[in-house]
Amino acid sequence: MVPHDDGWRLTHLGRLLGHAMRRFDERVLHLMAHNIDVPLALSNLAARAQISAAHIHITRHLDLQGTRLTELAQKAGMSKQAMGDLVDQCEAWGLVTREPDARDARARVVQFTPTGLLWLQAFKDAVAQAEREFRVEVGPDVATVVKIGLEAYAGGVP
């Protein structure tokens, strides 16, 4: 039996959340590409869409003191291999390095480089700007309710 009403497929919560996240990430990358404090080579990569929302996973999940690749992948909800590929690219761009883990000589820890810390600051600034723009677009009351609702729905996951 073919359903007569399939409009729900375009407006269900998961689809709206996905569109909203893509729009937010695209805006953050645009702002980072135009941030004068981001090294020019990285700005050019972002402006030419060489850096994608996938690369933002590293920026979102890499601890300041460094994180093992397996933990980084787990935090981002990615496979270790996919995260390894992202780390390889970010390492080639000078954002991160892999250093020996002081707790386990066999393991390596991914850490921000000084350039990576500039990138992280640009990410913080871009997220703050995108959040301000969201508040203006939907209004402060709606923005607050959306954030509280998403925090509750996500289970308080940082």
Protein backbone atom coordinates (compact mmCIF):
# COMPACT_ATOMS: atom_id res chain seq x y z
CA MET A 1 0.00 0.00 0.00
CA VAL A 2 1.44 3.37 -1.06
CA PRO A 3 0.93 6.17 1.47
CA HIS A 4 -0.99 9.15 0.12
CA ASP A 5 0.79 11.73 2.25
CA ASP A 6 4.56 11.66 2.10
CA GLY A 7 5.20 15.30 3.07
CA TRP A 8 6.31 14.13 6.49
CA ARG A 9 9.54 12.88 4.90
CA LEU A 10 10.54 16.48 4.17
CA THR A 11 9.63 17.96 7.54
CA HIS A 12 10.45 15.39 10.22
CA LEU A 13 12.72 16.44 13.05
CA GLY A 14 15.75 14.41 11.93
CA ARG A 15 15.72 15.95 8.47
CA LEU A 16 15.32 19.47 9.88
CA LEU A 17 18.15 18.90 12.35
CA GLY A 18 20.37 17.63 9.53
CA HIS A 19 19.65 20.67 7.35
CA ALA A 20 20.19 23.02 10.28
CA MET A 21 23.52 21.41 11.16
CA ARG A 22 24.76 21.58 7.56
CA ARG A 23 23.73 25.24 7.31
CA PHE A 24 25.42 26.07 10.62
CA ASP A 25 28.65 24.23 9.70
CA GLU A 26 28.74 25.90 6.26
CA ARG A 27 28.39 29.31 7.90
CA VAL A 28 31.13 28.51 10.42
CA LEU A 29 33.49 27.41 7.62
CA HIS A 30 32.66 30.57 5.62
CA LEU A 31 33.45 32.78 8.62
CA MET A 32 36.69 30.88 9.26
CA ALA A 33 37.69 31.27 5.61
CA HIS A 34 37.36 35.04 5.98
CA ASN A 35 38.98 35.37 9.41
CA ILE A 36 42.17 37.45 9.09
CA ASP A 37 43.73 35.58 12.04
CA VAL A 38 43.58 32.23 10.22
CA PRO A 39 46.80 31.48 8.34
CA LEU A 40 46.32 32.35 4.66
CA ALA A 41 46.90 28.81 3.40
CA LEU A 42 44.12 27.50 5.65
CA SER A 43 41.80 30.35 4.70
CA ASN A 44 42.36 29.51 1.06
CA LEU A 45 41.60 25.84 1.70
CA ALA A 46 38.38 26.76 3.51
CA ALA A 47 37.38 29.29 0.84
CA ARG A 48 37.86 26.66 -1.89
CA ALA A 49 35.80 24.11 0.09
CA GLN A 50 38.87 21.89 0.60
CA ILE A 51 38.12 21.92 4.33
CA SER A 52 34.71 20.49 5.06
CA ALA A 53 32.42 19.99 7.99
CA ALA A 54 34.11 16.60 8.44
CA HIS A 55 37.35 18.40 9.34
CA ILE A 56 35.42 20.31 11.96
CA HIS A 57 35.07 17.01 13.85
CA ILE A 58 38.72 17.30 14.82
CA THR A 59 38.25 20.89 15.92
CA ARG A 60 35.18 19.94 17.97
CA HIS A 61 36.58 16.84 19.64
CA LEU A 62 40.36 17.16 20.03
CA ASP A 63 41.24 17.91 23.66
CA LEU A 64 43.70 20.74 24.27
CA GLN A 65 46.12 18.29 25.93
CA GLY A 66 45.76 15.87 23.01
CA THR A 67 43.63 12.82 22.30
CA ARG A 68 44.35 9.32 21.04
CA LEU A 69 43.04 8.63 17.56
CA THR A 70 40.65 5.89 18.72
CA GLU A 71 39.11 8.18 21.33
CA LEU A 72 38.89 11.03 18.82
CA ALA A 73 37.06 8.78 16.36
CA GLN A 74 34.70 7.58 19.08
CA LYS A 75 33.88 11.14 20.21
CA ALA A 76 33.14 12.13 16.61
CA GLY A 77 31.10 9.00 15.88
CA MET A 78 33.45 7.99 13.07
CA SER A 79 35.49 4.93 12.24
CA LYS A 80 39.13 4.95 13.29
CA GLN A 81 40.15 4.74 9.63
CA ALA A 82 38.01 7.74 8.60
CA MET A 83 39.34 9.78 11.51
CA GLY A 84 42.88 8.70 10.63
CA ASP A 85 42.37 10.08 7.12
CA LEU A 86 41.15 13.41 8.54
CA VAL A 87 44.07 13.57 10.95
CA ASP A 88 46.47 12.86 8.05
CA GLN A 89 45.02 15.81 6.11
CA CYS A 90 45.07 18.10 9.13
CA GLU A 91 48.64 17.04 9.87
CA ALA A 92 49.64 17.88 6.28
CA TRP A 93 48.04 21.31 6.69
CA GLY A 94 49.96 21.92 9.92
CA LEU A 95 46.93 21.87 12.24
CA VAL A 96 47.88 18.82 14.30
CA THR A 97 50.79 16.53 15.07
CA ARG A 98 50.99 12.97 16.34
CA GLU A 99 53.20 12.64 19.39
CA PRO A 100 54.12 9.59 21.48
CA ASP A 101 51.67 8.95 24.31
CA ALA A 102 53.41 9.34 27.67
CA ARG A 103 51.14 6.61 29.12
CA ASP A 104 51.78 4.05 26.38
CA ALA A 105 54.88 4.12 24.17
CA ARG A 106 53.05 2.15 21.44
CA ALA A 107 50.26 4.73 21.15
CA ARG A 108 50.27 8.22 19.62
CA VAL A 109 48.35 11.30 20.71
CA VAL A 110 46.95 13.82 18.26
CA GLN A 111 47.69 17.38 19.40
CA PHE A 112 47.06 20.86 18.07
CA THR A 113 50.06 22.73 16.65
CA PRO A 114 50.40 26.49 17.22
CA THR A 115 48.68 26.94 13.83
CA GLY A 116 46.01 24.49 14.95
CA LEU A 117 45.40 26.60 18.05
CA LEU A 118 44.88 29.65 15.81
CA TRP A 119 42.42 27.54 13.80
CA LEU A 120 40.67 26.53 17.05
CA GLN A 121 40.32 30.18 18.08
CA ALA A 122 38.92 31.02 14.64
CA PHE A 123 36.46 28.13 15.08
CA LYS A 124 35.40 29.52 18.48
CA ASP A 125 34.91 33.00 17.00
CA ALA A 126 32.97 31.64 14.00
CA VAL A 127 30.69 29.51 16.19
CA ALA A 128 29.95 32.52 18.40
CA GLN A 129 29.14 34.63 15.32
CA ALA A 130 26.94 31.91 13.78
CA GLU A 131 25.08 31.53 17.09
CA ARG A 132 24.50 35.32 17.23
CA GLU A 133 23.17 35.22 13.68
CA PHE A 134 20.86 32.33 14.60
CA ARG A 135 19.52 34.31 17.58
CA VAL A 136 18.82 37.31 15.35
CA GLU A 137 17.14 35.20 12.67
CA VAL A 138 14.80 33.20 14.93
CA GLY A 139 14.60 35.58 17.88
CA PRO A 140 16.19 35.26 21.31
CA ASP A 141 13.28 33.37 22.91
CA VAL A 142 13.13 30.72 20.18
CA ALA A 143 16.94 30.42 20.14
CA THR A 144 16.99 29.82 23.90
CA VAL A 145 14.20 27.21 23.72
CA VAL A 146 15.89 25.45 20.79
CA LYS A 147 19.21 25.27 22.65
CA ILE A 148 17.60 24.00 25.87
CA GLY A 149 15.57 21.45 23.89
CA LEU A 150 18.60 20.21 21.96
CA GLU A 151 20.66 19.93 25.16
CA ALA A 152 17.88 17.88 26.78
CA TYR A 153 17.42 15.71 23.69
CA ALA A 154 21.17 15.10 23.34
CA GLY A 155 21.22 13.93 26.95
CA GLY A 156 23.51 16.70 28.14
CA VAL A 157 26.36 15.38 25.99
CA PRO A 158 29.05 18.10 25.84
